Amino acid sequence: MSWKKTYNIWLEKADLSADLKADLKNMQNDGEREDAFYTPLSFGTAGMRGILGAGINRMNIYTVRQATEGLARLIDSFEDSALKNRGVAISYDSRHYSSEFAKEAGRVLGAHGIKAFVFEQLRPTPELSFAVRHLNAYAGIMITASHNPKNYNGYKIYGEDGGQMPPKESDIITDAIRQVDMFNVPVADLDTLKKQKLYQNLGVELDQAYLKNIKTVSINQELIDTVGKEMKLVYSPLHGTGGLITGQALENAGFKNVVMVPEQKEPNGDFPTVELPNPEDPKALSMGIELANQEDADVVIAVDPDADRMGTAVRQPSGEYVMLTGNQIGAVMMNYILTAQKAANLLPDNGVLVKSIVSSEFAADIAASFGIKTINVLTGFKYIAEQIKNYELNHDHTFLFGFEESYGYLVKPFVRDKDSVQATVLMAEVAAYYKSIGKTVYDGVQELFEQFGYFIEDTKALTFTGIDGKAQIEQLIAKFRKEVPTSFGALDVVRIEDFAAGTDTDMVSGTVHEIKLPAAEVLKYWLSDGSWVAVRPSGTEPKIKFYVGTKGATSELARTQLVAIQTTIESYLNN
């Protein structure tokens, strides 16, 4: 069906809500209409994410109902009433329509006789992951668009282990969605479902269970009780869910001197004080840093609206604050976990660090110095969750820490997704540790650089929106595969990992080894000095990303190498 016919169906629908009718009428030209109606909103293993509004390529109650109907049909297909009773946990963040979408999902499930456990108020993504496991639910739904702009929302499905839904089940849901008429999805009356106990609210009891587990993140309680309780920390939830529970988590751990950025404390889907509610963006931490200067704080922490990502700024010797990169946070956390556990005689012999293939080798080198193995997985925290599940089944490794360079961290596996609440509590303890020895976290990172080398990483992204965006990204990937780069800067390519083909090719000897990971559209080039370049499309946004990692004896050497490599990438793209 053409986009114009689909548009007209929506336009003529009598019971369309007032806001969606208004959105249809506000579409100024055929370009806007076509973008909203030319294709269904993409639903992948991470769920779906898109602009709010009318259309099949937009986030609205109809696309939410359609996606939930797909999940309901998957549960129906097992013909097991116990699964329906185990039900689905549902949470949501502070974005526009998040609460409405959560209720609509519960109504669709209820129409199938599937129990929905819906948080009575917004809650973080990691608490949703915890809730799935704690309730022994079959699945979970999180309404969030993470750190995207205010006009976005999204929908993520979690499996029974608390990780994002595995590909097999996700593919079944996707197939079911394609068969569903979004305007004819059955929805049950909310009051009726509540009387039938098919729609139950979650609240303080679940919070208490989650917070009890968060207490186990702390390693050295004596350190917190002596130094941590006096240390000053500035925290910002960036108008999202983090403020509802992280303050309590810090207090429970023993950090009593926490100042929350007042202008960013309350949930607000307009995110009025930031351009992007993204803790990777220095601008998002500017108000926190300003407050930290006034309060003479030791560390600044901010999290995204669904509180799964965490960023931090730390004090330099000059007194000014500097943001750490996601890789530096991962490295300093890994070092502290290993140092503290070794000192407490708690470090397991079979401990393991799990990180993504586009994250720095900095933390891996630190882990190796303690005799700890590193496992690399594809980008996406569900792959870290899969490893944890395997360790529990096989008992061959003990999970110690997992992270991605994009500011996602997991300390304890009672959650199976990145968890900024855990990361915030641990970062506070890291800051207390360095304060106890008369240093700052910044000093600690510099010491690690001096010991292991200066690691510098950077990520550039090209955005391709609209109808042709996907094709343009595919063409760029095809170019890298067809016109194979032989060098970046002055460094030769010595090894190429093609994760789509599953091959690891030694460019010197010609030897090819199999990559034993799921197929993914990622190319990674290893260079003669150990530097690397990775190219991959984003799984959640219309972007292609270029990751570069370098290592040098000095910061200047590593940065010079980084610039040379990035210049080569730009030349390659422009030819």
Protein backbone atom coordinates (compact mmCIF):
# COMPACT_ATOMS: atom_id res chain seq x y z
CA MET A 1 0.00 0.00 0.00
CA SER A 2 1.33 3.46 -0.88
CA TRP A 3 2.08 5.95 1.85
CA LYS A 4 -0.65 8.25 0.53
CA LYS A 5 -3.31 5.56 0.94
CA THR A 6 -2.09 4.82 4.46
CA TYR A 7 -2.09 8.52 5.27
CA ASN A 8 -5.67 8.86 4.04
CA ILE A 9 -6.79 5.88 6.14
CA TRP A 10 -5.47 7.67 9.21
CA LEU A 11 -6.98 10.97 8.10
CA GLU A 12 -10.42 9.42 7.71
CA LYS A 13 -10.35 7.49 10.97
CA ALA A 14 -13.16 8.97 13.07
CA ASP A 15 -12.00 7.88 16.53
CA LEU A 16 -8.40 9.05 16.20
CA SER A 17 -7.35 10.99 19.29
CA ALA A 18 -7.32 14.78 19.12
CA ASP A 19 -3.54 15.04 19.40
CA LEU A 20 -2.95 12.61 16.52
CA LYS A 21 -5.57 14.39 14.37
CA ALA A 22 -3.81 17.65 15.05
CA ASP A 23 -0.48 16.10 14.14
CA LEU A 24 -1.88 14.90 10.81
CA LYS A 25 -3.19 18.36 9.98
CA ASN A 26 0.07 20.00 11.00
CA MET A 27 2.09 17.99 8.47
CA GLN A 28 3.12 20.76 6.11
CA ASN A 29 4.05 18.90 2.95
CA ASP A 30 4.30 15.54 1.22
CA GLY A 31 7.85 15.08 2.51
CA GLU A 32 6.68 15.12 6.13
CA ARG A 33 3.70 12.90 5.35
CA GLU A 34 5.79 10.40 3.42
CA ASP A 35 8.35 10.12 6.22
CA ALA A 36 5.57 9.37 8.72
CA PHE A 37 3.81 6.78 6.55
CA TYR A 38 6.20 5.23 4.01
CA THR A 39 7.30 2.34 6.24
CA PRO A 40 6.41 0.80 9.62
CA LEU A 41 8.52 1.84 12.58
CA SER A 42 11.43 -0.59 12.68
CA PHE A 43 11.22 -3.25 15.39
CA GLY A 44 14.50 -5.03 16.13
CA THR A 45 16.09 -6.97 18.96
CA ALA A 46 16.25 -3.76 21.03
CA GLY A 47 12.58 -2.96 20.36
CA MET A 48 11.62 0.25 18.59
CA ARG A 49 12.33 3.94 18.94
CA GLY A 50 11.00 6.89 16.99
CA ILE A 51 9.52 10.36 16.81
CA LEU A 52 6.21 10.86 18.59
CA GLY A 53 3.24 11.52 16.35
CA ALA A 54 0.74 10.17 13.85
CA GLY A 55 1.84 7.53 11.35
CA ILE A 56 3.08 3.98 11.07
CA ASN A 57 6.67 5.26 11.28
CA ARG A 58 5.98 7.10 14.53
CA MET A 59 5.56 6.30 18.22
CA ASN A 60 1.87 6.45 19.17
CA ILE A 61 -0.72 4.29 20.96
CA TYR A 62 -1.34 2.29 17.79
CA THR A 63 2.29 1.30 17.21
CA VAL A 64 2.55 0.49 20.94
CA ARG A 65 -0.58 -1.67 20.78
CA GLN A 66 0.71 -3.40 17.67
CA ALA A 67 4.07 -4.23 19.29
CA THR A 68 2.39 -5.47 22.46
CA GLU A 69 0.01 -7.63 20.41
CA GLY A 70 3.11 -9.26 18.92
CA LEU A 71 4.42 -10.06 22.42
CA ALA A 72 0.97 -11.32 23.50
CA ARG A 73 0.77 -13.64 20.50
CA LEU A 74 4.21 -15.04 21.36
CA ILE A 75 2.98 -15.84 24.88
CA ASP A 76 -0.27 -17.29 23.47
CA SER A 77 1.71 -19.56 21.15
CA PHE A 78 3.14 -21.53 24.07
CA GLU A 79 -0.36 -22.61 25.17
CA ASP A 80 0.84 -22.47 28.76
CA SER A 81 -1.49 -20.70 31.19
CA ALA A 82 1.33 -20.49 33.71
CA LEU A 83 3.20 -18.09 31.41
CA LYS A 84 0.15 -15.83 31.25
CA ASN A 85 -0.05 -15.79 35.02
CA ARG A 86 3.68 -15.08 35.33
CA GLY A 87 2.86 -12.07 33.19
CA VAL A 88 4.79 -9.05 32.00
CA ALA A 89 6.39 -6.27 34.07
CA ILE A 90 6.02 -2.76 32.61
CA SER A 91 7.83 0.46 33.45
CA TYR A 92 8.24 3.86 31.82
CA ASP A 93 10.32 7.02 31.97
CA SER A 94 9.51 10.75 32.04
CA ARG A 95 8.97 11.24 28.32
CA HIS A 96 5.76 12.48 26.79
CA TYR A 97 3.08 9.76 26.56
CA SER A 98 5.21 7.23 28.44
CA SER A 99 2.55 6.65 31.10
CA GLU A 100 -0.18 6.32 28.46
CA PHE A 101 1.87 3.85 26.43
CA ALA A 102 2.51 1.73 29.52
CA LYS A 103 -1.22 1.56 30.27
CA GLU A 104 -2.05 0.70 26.66
CA ALA A 105 0.46 -2.15 26.74
CA GLY A 106 -1.20 -3.47 29.90
CA ARG A 107 -4.65 -3.27 28.28
CA VAL A 108 -3.51 -5.26 25.24
CA LEU A 109 -1.96 -7.96 27.41
CA GLY A 110 -5.08 -8.08 29.56
CA ALA A 111 -7.24 -8.70 26.48
CA HIS A 112 -5.25 -11.94 26.07
CA GLY A 113 -5.63 -12.89 29.73
CA ILE A 114 -1.98 -12.06 30.38
CA LYS A 115 -1.20 -10.43 33.72
CA ALA A 116 0.52 -7.03 33.63
CA PHE A 117 2.59 -5.69 36.54
CA VAL A 118 2.78 -1.95 35.89
CA PHE A 119 4.78 0.49 37.99
CA GLU A 120 2.46 3.05 39.57
CA GLN A 121 4.96 5.79 38.70
CA LEU A 122 7.92 6.08 36.38
CA ARG A 123 10.92 3.92 37.27
CA PRO A 124 14.42 3.34 35.83
CA THR A 125 15.13 0.74 33.14
CA PRO A 126 17.43 -1.26 35.46
CA GLU A 127 14.65 -1.56 38.03
CA LEU A 128 12.40 -2.94 35.27
CA SER A 129 15.08 -5.53 34.45
CA PHE A 130 15.27 -6.40 38.15
CA ALA A 131 11.46 -6.59 38.42
CA VAL A 132 11.24 -9.20 35.64
CA ARG A 133 13.58 -11.47 37.58
CA HIS A 134 12.19 -10.66 41.02
CA LEU A 135 8.60 -11.38 39.98
CA ASN A 136 9.55 -14.36 37.80
CA ALA A 137 7.66 -12.61 34.99
CA TYR A 138 7.89 -14.03 31.49
CA ALA A 139 8.83 -10.67 29.95
CA GLY A 140 9.21 -6.96 30.55
CA ILE A 141 8.35 -3.79 28.66
CA MET A 142 10.18 -0.49 29.13
CA ILE A 143 8.76 2.67 27.57
CA THR A 144 11.77 4.89 26.92
CA ALA A 145 13.84 6.52 24.21
CA SER A 146 16.91 6.61 26.43
CA HIS A 147 18.93 9.78 25.72
CA ASN A 148 17.17 10.84 22.49
CA PRO A 149 15.65 14.33 22.05
CA LYS A 150 12.33 15.22 23.69
CA ASN A 151 10.23 14.47 20.58
CA TYR A 152 11.18 10.76 20.74
CA ASN A 153 9.88 7.79 22.67
CA GLY A 154 10.50 4.05 22.44
CA TYR A 155 9.56 0.54 23.47
CA LYS A 156 11.94 -2.18 24.67
CA ILE A 157 11.09 -5.81 25.40
CA TYR A 158 12.94 -7.87 28.02
CA GLY A 159 13.11 -11.64 28.35
CA GLU A 160 12.56 -13.72 31.48
CA ASP A 161 16.23 -13.46 32.49
CA GLY A 162 15.89 -9.66 32.72
CA GLY A 163 17.99 -9.06 29.61
CA GLN A 164 16.64 -7.71 26.37
CA MET A 165 14.55 -10.28 24.52
CA PRO A 166 16.73 -12.92 22.77
CA PRO A 167 16.78 -12.88 18.93
CA LYS A 168 14.71 -16.07 18.52
CA GLU A 169 11.75 -14.74 20.50
CA SER A 170 12.26 -11.23 19.15
CA ASP A 171 12.01 -12.52 15.57
CA ILE A 172 8.71 -14.26 16.41
CA ILE A 173 7.38 -11.01 17.83
CA THR A 174 8.50 -9.11 14.73
CA ASP A 175 6.74 -11.62 12.45
CA ALA A 176 3.57 -11.33 14.52
CA ILE A 177 3.69 -7.52 14.42
CA ARG A 178 3.77 -7.59 10.62
CA GLN A 179 0.51 -9.53 10.63
CA VAL A 180 -1.30 -7.19 13.02
CA ASP A 181 -3.69 -4.44 11.94
CA MET A 182 -2.79 -1.73 14.42
CA PHE A 183 -6.31 -0.29 14.37
CA ASN A 184 -7.88 -3.61 15.32
CA VAL A 185 -5.77 -4.69 18.26
CA PRO A 186 -8.09 -5.80 21.11
CA VAL A 187 -7.75 -3.76 24.30
CA ALA A 188 -9.48 -4.46 27.60
CA ASP A 189 -11.06 -1.99 30.00
CA LEU A 190 -8.55 -0.96 32.65
CA ASP A 191 -10.96 -1.03 35.62
CA THR A 192 -12.17 -4.49 34.61
CA LEU A 193 -8.59 -5.77 34.37
CA LYS A 194 -7.81 -4.41 37.85
CA LYS A 195 -10.85 -6.21 39.29
CA GLN A 196 -9.72 -9.42 37.57
CA LYS A 197 -6.19 -8.85 38.95
CA LEU A 198 -4.82 -8.93 35.43
CA TYR A 199 -3.46 -5.38 35.91
CA GLN A 200 -1.50 -4.87 39.13
CA ASN A 201 0.53 -1.88 40.21
CA LEU A 202 4.11 -2.11 41.41
CA GLY A 203 5.46 0.37 43.92
CA VAL A 204 7.42 0.71 47.13
CA GLU A 205 7.79 -3.03 47.85
CA LEU A 206 9.57 -3.56 44.54
CA ASP A 207 11.71 -0.46 45.20
CA GLN A 208 12.76 -1.87 48.57
CA ALA A 209 13.72 -5.21 47.05
CA TYR A 210 15.80 -3.48 44.37
CA LEU A 211 17.46 -1.16 46.88
CA LYS A 212 18.30 -4.13 49.12
CA ASN A 213 20.25 -5.62 46.23
CA ILE A 214 21.89 -2.27 45.44
CA LYS A 215 23.40 -2.43 48.96
CA THR A 216 25.55 -5.37 47.77
CA VAL A 217 27.33 -3.15 45.21
CA SER A 218 29.48 -1.51 47.89
CA ILE A 219 32.76 -3.31 48.58
CA ASN A 220 34.45 -1.44 51.44
CA GLN A 221 31.81 -0.27 53.91
CA GLU A 222 34.42 0.97 56.39
CA LEU A 223 35.78 3.31 53.70
CA ILE A 224 32.28 4.69 53.05
CA ASP A 225 31.52 5.05 56.77
CA THR A 226 34.70 7.02 57.40
CA VAL A 227 35.35 8.98 54.20
CA GLY A 228 32.30 8.52 52.00
CA LYS A 229 29.81 9.94 54.47
CA GLU A 230 31.62 13.31 54.50
CA MET A 231 32.46 13.43 50.79
CA LYS A 232 30.25 15.79 48.77
CA LEU A 233 28.65 14.53 45.59
CA VAL A 234 26.50 16.42 43.07
CA TYR A 235 23.89 14.31 41.26
CA SER A 236 21.49 15.03 38.39
CA PRO A 237 18.78 12.78 36.94
CA LEU A 238 18.46 15.20 33.96
CA HIS A 239 14.69 15.42 34.46
CA GLY A 240 14.29 11.64 34.34
CA THR A 241 13.72 8.64 36.59
CA GLY A 242 17.06 8.58 38.40
CA GLY A 243 16.10 11.05 41.11
CA LEU A 244 13.32 8.80 42.35
CA ILE A 245 15.56 6.04 43.64
CA THR A 246 19.28 6.86 43.31
CA GLY A 247 19.27 9.35 46.18
CA GLN A 248 17.90 6.63 48.43
CA ALA A 249 20.47 4.15 47.12
CA LEU A 250 23.33 6.54 47.94
CA GLU A 251 21.97 7.24 51.41
CA ASN A 252 21.50 3.53 52.10
CA ALA A 253 25.11 2.92 51.08
CA GLY A 254 26.29 5.59 53.53
CA PHE A 255 26.83 8.63 51.29
CA LYS A 256 25.06 11.32 53.29
CA ASN A 257 26.35 14.45 51.58
CA VAL A 258 24.58 14.32 48.21
CA VAL A 259 23.33 17.50 46.54
CA MET A 260 20.86 17.10 43.69
CA VAL A 261 20.77 19.74 40.94
CA PRO A 262 17.45 21.44 41.87
CA GLU A 263 16.55 22.60 38.36
CA GLN A 264 16.93 19.05 37.00
CA LYS A 265 15.50 17.09 39.90
CA GLU A 266 11.86 16.78 38.83
CA PRO A 267 10.79 14.52 35.92
CA ASN A 268 9.97 16.58 32.84
CA GLY A 269 9.58 15.24 29.30
CA ASP A 270 10.56 18.61 27.83
CA PHE A 271 14.04 18.35 29.41
CA PRO A 272 13.99 22.16 29.72
CA THR A 273 17.58 22.73 30.93
CA VAL A 274 19.45 20.60 28.38
CA GLU A 275 19.67 20.31 24.59
CA LEU A 276 19.96 16.54 24.93
CA PRO A 277 19.36 14.54 28.14
CA ASN A 278 22.54 12.59 27.51
CA PRO A 279 25.26 12.16 30.19
CA GLU A 280 27.79 11.65 27.37
CA ASP A 281 27.30 15.31 26.41
CA PRO A 282 29.38 17.81 28.44
CA LYS A 283 26.58 20.37 28.06
CA ALA A 284 24.23 18.09 29.98
CA LEU A 285 26.55 18.20 33.01
CA SER A 286 27.18 21.96 32.90
CA MET A 287 24.60 22.81 35.59
CA GLY A 288 25.92 20.01 37.79
CA ILE A 289 29.47 21.28 37.38
CA GLU A 290 28.38 24.84 38.19
CA LEU A 291 26.74 23.57 41.39
CA ALA A 292 29.81 21.46 42.20
CA ASN A 293 31.98 24.59 42.02
CA GLN A 294 29.66 26.33 44.47
CA GLU A 295 29.52 23.34 46.81
CA ASP A 296 33.18 22.35 46.48
CA ALA A 297 32.04 18.84 45.55
CA ASP A 298 34.35 15.91 44.92
CA VAL A 299 32.49 14.45 41.96
CA VAL A 300 29.55 15.21 39.63
CA ILE A 301 27.29 12.42 38.36
CA ALA A 302 24.44 12.62 35.84
CA VAL A 303 22.26 9.94 34.28
CA ASP A 304 19.92 9.76 31.28
CA PRO A 305 16.09 9.84 31.57
CA ASP A 306 15.64 6.08 32.03
CA ALA A 307 18.69 5.93 34.32
CA ASP A 308 20.65 3.22 32.59
CA ARG A 309 23.63 5.36 31.48
CA MET A 310 25.88 7.30 33.85
CA GLY A 311 28.39 10.09 33.19
CA THR A 312 30.73 11.81 35.61
CA ALA A 313 32.92 14.88 35.93
CA VAL A 314 35.84 14.91 38.37
CA ARG A 315 38.07 17.56 39.89
CA GLN A 316 41.46 18.28 38.32
CA PRO A 317 44.46 19.66 40.24
CA SER A 318 43.52 23.13 38.91
CA GLY A 319 40.20 22.84 40.73
CA GLU A 320 38.24 22.68 37.48
CA TYR A 321 36.08 19.69 36.62
CA VAL A 322 36.62 17.47 33.60
CA MET A 323 34.33 14.80 32.20
CA LEU A 324 35.66 11.28 32.02
CA THR A 325 34.94 9.27 28.90
CA GLY A 326 32.87 6.10 29.12
CA ASN A 327 36.02 4.05 28.62
CA GLN A 328 37.90 5.90 31.38
CA ILE A 329 34.99 5.36 33.78
CA GLY A 330 35.00 1.66 32.91
CA ALA A 331 38.75 1.45 33.50
CA VAL A 332 38.83 3.25 36.85
CA MET A 333 35.84 1.24 38.09
CA MET A 334 37.42 -2.03 37.00
CA ASN A 335 40.67 -1.12 38.75
CA TYR A 336 38.85 -0.25 41.96
CA ILE A 337 36.73 -3.42 41.98
CA LEU A 338 39.82 -5.60 41.52
CA THR A 339 41.96 -3.63 43.99
CA ALA A 340 39.27 -3.62 46.70
CA GLN A 341 38.27 -7.25 46.22
CA LYS A 342 41.90 -8.37 46.29
CA ALA A 343 42.51 -6.40 49.48
CA ALA A 344 39.44 -8.00 51.04
CA ASN A 345 40.47 -11.48 49.84
CA LEU A 346 37.31 -11.66 47.74
CA LEU A 347 38.78 -11.80 44.23
CA PRO A 348 37.72 -15.06 42.53
CA ASP A 349 40.21 -17.06 40.49
CA ASN A 350 37.78 -17.35 37.58
CA GLY A 351 36.62 -13.72 37.53
CA VAL A 352 35.83 -12.11 34.18
CA LEU A 353 35.33 -8.68 32.68
CA VAL A 354 32.79 -8.48 29.81
CA LYS A 355 32.87 -5.55 27.41
CA SER A 356 31.76 -4.66 23.89
CA ILE A 357 34.02 -4.99 20.85
CA VAL A 358 34.04 -1.20 20.34
CA SER A 359 35.09 -0.41 23.91
CA SER A 360 38.66 0.41 24.94
CA GLU A 361 41.32 -2.16 25.77
CA PHE A 362 42.24 0.03 28.77
CA ALA A 363 40.08 -1.89 31.26
CA ALA A 364 41.11 -5.19 29.66
CA ASP A 365 44.80 -4.45 30.27
CA ILE A 366 44.04 -3.53 33.88
CA ALA A 367 42.09 -6.78 34.32
CA ALA A 368 44.95 -8.79 32.81
CA SER A 369 47.36 -7.32 35.38
CA PHE A 370 45.21 -8.99 38.07
CA GLY A 371 45.06 -12.25 36.13
CA ILE A 372 41.45 -11.56 35.12
CA LYS A 373 40.18 -12.58 31.69
CA THR A 374 38.26 -10.24 29.36
CA ILE A 375 35.44 -11.45 27.11
CA ASN A 376 34.49 -9.25 24.15
CA VAL A 377 30.90 -9.28 22.90
CA LEU A 378 28.89 -7.47 20.25
CA THR A 379 27.53 -4.02 21.01
CA GLY A 380 24.30 -4.22 22.99
CA PHE A 381 23.99 -5.04 26.67
CA LYS A 382 21.89 -8.10 25.88
CA TYR A 383 25.12 -9.80 24.82
CA ILE A 384 26.67 -9.09 28.22
CA ALA A 385 23.48 -10.48 29.80
CA GLU A 386 23.85 -13.65 27.69
CA GLN A 387 27.38 -14.17 29.01
CA ILE A 388 26.18 -13.82 32.61
CA LYS A 389 23.48 -16.42 31.97
CA ASN A 390 26.09 -18.79 30.51
CA TYR A 391 28.34 -18.35 33.55
CA GLU A 392 25.47 -19.22 35.86
CA LEU A 393 24.74 -22.37 33.88
CA ASN A 394 28.32 -23.52 33.29
CA HIS A 395 30.06 -22.13 36.42
CA ASP A 396 33.19 -21.50 34.34
CA HIS A 397 33.51 -17.80 35.18
CA THR A 398 32.41 -15.36 37.86
CA PHE A 399 31.08 -12.09 36.47
CA LEU A 400 32.91 -9.11 37.97
CA PHE A 401 31.98 -6.16 35.76
CA GLY A 402 30.47 -5.36 32.38
CA PHE A 403 30.55 -2.15 30.40
CA GLU A 404 30.15 -0.41 27.06
CA GLU A 405 31.96 2.73 25.98
CA SER A 406 28.59 4.48 25.63
CA TYR A 407 28.41 5.02 29.43
CA GLY A 408 26.71 1.76 30.33
CA TYR A 409 27.93 -0.27 33.36
CA LEU A 410 26.84 -3.28 35.37
CA VAL A 411 28.45 -4.32 38.65
CA LYS A 412 26.13 -6.99 40.05
CA PRO A 413 24.04 -9.32 37.88
CA PHE A 414 20.75 -9.03 39.77
CA VAL A 415 20.07 -6.64 36.87
CA ARG A 416 20.72 -7.76 33.29
CA ASP A 417 21.08 -4.39 31.62
CA LYS A 418 23.24 -1.36 32.22
CA ASP A 419 22.42 0.16 35.58
CA SER A 420 23.25 3.76 36.47
CA VAL A 421 22.05 3.27 40.05
CA GLN A 422 24.70 0.60 40.63
CA ALA A 423 27.25 2.67 38.69
CA THR A 424 26.52 5.79 40.74
CA VAL A 425 26.97 3.99 44.05
CA LEU A 426 30.21 2.42 42.86
CA MET A 427 31.57 5.69 41.42
CA ALA A 428 30.89 7.37 44.76
CA GLU A 429 32.93 4.63 46.46
CA VAL A 430 35.73 5.04 43.90
CA ALA A 431 35.82 8.78 44.69
CA ALA A 432 35.89 8.00 48.42
CA TYR A 433 38.81 5.62 47.89
CA TYR A 434 40.94 8.24 46.14
CA LYS A 435 39.95 10.89 48.69
CA SER A 436 41.11 8.54 51.46
CA ILE A 437 44.62 8.55 49.98
CA GLY A 438 44.65 12.30 49.32
CA LYS A 439 43.85 12.10 45.63
CA THR A 440 40.97 12.61 43.21
CA VAL A 441 39.46 10.26 40.64
CA TYR A 442 41.25 12.35 38.01
CA ASP A 443 44.57 11.55 39.72
CA GLY A 444 43.62 7.88 39.70
CA VAL A 445 42.96 7.86 35.96
CA GLN A 446 46.31 9.58 35.30
CA GLU A 447 48.11 6.97 37.41
CA LEU A 448 46.48 4.20 35.38
CA PHE A 449 47.59 5.91 32.16
CA GLU A 450 51.16 6.06 33.44
CA GLN A 451 51.05 2.38 34.36
CA PHE A 452 49.26 0.94 31.31
CA GLY A 453 49.78 3.55 28.58
CA TYR A 454 47.68 6.43 27.36
CA PHE A 455 44.47 5.16 25.80
CA ILE A 456 42.44 7.63 23.78
CA GLU A 457 39.23 6.74 22.00
CA ASP A 458 36.73 8.74 20.02
CA THR A 459 33.48 8.04 18.18
CA LYS A 460 32.14 9.96 15.22
CA ALA A 461 28.65 9.41 13.84
CA LEU A 462 27.08 10.31 10.52
CA THR A 463 23.30 10.65 10.54
CA PHE A 464 21.14 9.70 7.55
CA THR A 465 17.45 10.33 8.14
CA GLY A 466 14.43 9.87 5.95
CA ILE A 467 13.60 7.35 3.25
CA ASP A 468 17.09 7.09 1.77
CA GLY A 469 18.94 7.02 5.11
CA LYS A 470 19.08 3.24 5.51
CA ALA A 471 20.30 2.75 1.93
CA GLN A 472 23.04 5.36 2.38
CA ILE A 473 24.30 3.61 5.50
CA GLU A 474 24.29 0.24 3.71
CA GLN A 475 26.24 1.77 0.81
CA LEU A 476 28.94 3.06 3.16
CA ILE A 477 29.32 -0.32 4.85
CA ALA A 478 29.51 -1.97 1.40
CA LYS A 479 32.24 0.47 0.40
CA PHE A 480 34.40 -0.43 3.39
CA ARG A 481 33.93 -4.09 2.56
CA LYS A 482 34.64 -3.73 -1.17
CA GLU A 483 37.39 -1.08 -1.10
CA VAL A 484 39.31 -2.55 1.83
CA PRO A 485 41.47 0.09 3.57
CA THR A 486 45.11 -0.97 3.84
CA SER A 487 46.19 1.76 6.25
CA PHE A 488 44.92 4.50 8.54
CA GLY A 489 47.29 7.40 9.06
CA ALA A 490 50.79 5.94 8.85
CA LEU A 491 49.70 2.61 10.32
CA ASP A 492 49.11 -0.52 8.26
CA VAL A 493 46.00 -2.63 8.69
CA VAL A 494 47.30 -5.96 10.00
CA ARG A 495 44.02 -7.68 10.86
CA ILE A 496 40.38 -7.33 9.86
CA GLU A 497 37.43 -8.67 11.83
CA ASP A 498 34.27 -8.90 9.73
CA PHE A 499 31.50 -9.74 12.16
CA ALA A 500 28.90 -10.11 9.41
CA ALA A 501 30.97 -12.75 7.62
CA GLY A 502 32.28 -14.19 10.91
CA THR A 503 35.91 -13.94 9.78
CA ASP A 504 39.09 -12.73 11.45
CA THR A 505 41.72 -12.24 8.74
CA ASP A 506 45.44 -11.78 9.33
CA MET A 507 46.43 -9.40 6.51
CA VAL A 508 50.11 -10.35 6.73
CA SER A 509 49.86 -14.15 6.62
CA GLY A 510 46.43 -14.39 4.99
CA THR A 511 45.25 -16.74 7.75
CA VAL A 512 41.51 -16.64 8.42
CA HIS A 513 39.92 -17.64 11.72
CA GLU A 514 36.26 -17.95 12.62
CA ILE A 515 34.67 -15.35 14.90
CA LYS A 516 32.44 -17.22 17.31
CA LEU A 517 29.91 -14.45 17.84
CA PRO A 518 26.48 -13.85 16.29
CA ALA A 519 26.56 -12.17 12.88
CA ALA A 520 26.51 -8.37 13.06
CA GLU A 521 27.18 -5.62 10.55
CA VAL A 522 30.48 -4.53 12.08
CA LEU A 523 33.96 -4.19 10.60
CA LYS A 524 36.98 -3.78 12.87
CA TYR A 525 40.47 -2.97 11.61
CA TRP A 526 43.48 -3.65 13.83
CA LEU A 527 46.56 -1.52 13.07
CA SER A 528 50.25 -2.23 13.37
CA ASP A 529 50.72 -0.48 16.73
CA GLY A 530 47.64 -2.00 18.38
CA SER A 531 45.34 0.90 17.51
CA TRP A 532 41.99 0.00 15.96
CA VAL A 533 39.09 1.33 13.90
CA ALA A 534 35.53 -0.04 13.96
CA VAL A 535 32.62 0.76 11.65
CA ARG A 536 29.03 -0.14 12.50
CA PRO A 537 25.49 1.14 11.96
CA SER A 538 23.65 2.16 15.11
CA GLY A 539 21.05 -0.33 16.26
CA THR A 540 18.65 2.34 17.52
CA GLU A 541 19.28 5.49 15.46
CA PRO A 542 19.73 6.31 11.73
CA LYS A 543 23.49 6.62 12.11
CA ILE A 544 26.70 4.95 11.06
CA LYS A 545 29.40 5.13 13.71
CA PHE A 546 33.19 5.19 13.41
CA TYR A 547 35.11 4.18 16.52
CA VAL A 548 38.85 4.78 16.91
CA GLY A 549 41.07 3.55 19.72
CA THR A 550 44.75 4.46 20.13
CA LYS A 551 47.43 3.86 22.73
CA GLY A 552 50.67 5.75 23.21
CA ALA A 553 53.53 6.23 25.63
CA THR A 554 52.25 9.79 26.13
CA SER A 555 48.91 11.47 25.76
CA GLU A 556 50.29 13.60 22.92
CA LEU A 557 51.44 10.58 20.92
CA ALA A 558 48.12 8.80 21.33
CA ARG A 559 46.16 11.90 20.33
CA THR A 560 48.36 12.57 17.30
CA GLN A 561 47.71 9.02 16.15
CA LEU A 562 43.98 9.46 16.72
CA VAL A 563 43.83 12.61 14.57
CA ALA A 564 45.80 10.95 11.76
CA ILE A 565 43.45 7.96 11.73
CA GLN A 566 40.35 10.16 11.73
CA THR A 567 41.75 12.21 8.85
CA THR A 568 42.14 9.01 6.83
CA ILE A 569 38.54 8.03 7.58
CA GLU A 570 37.28 11.43 6.41
CA SER A 571 39.31 11.20 3.19
CA TYR A 572 38.01 7.69 2.57
CA LEU A 573 34.40 8.82 3.01
CA ASN A 574 34.82 11.82 0.70
CA ASN A 575 36.34 9.84 -2.21
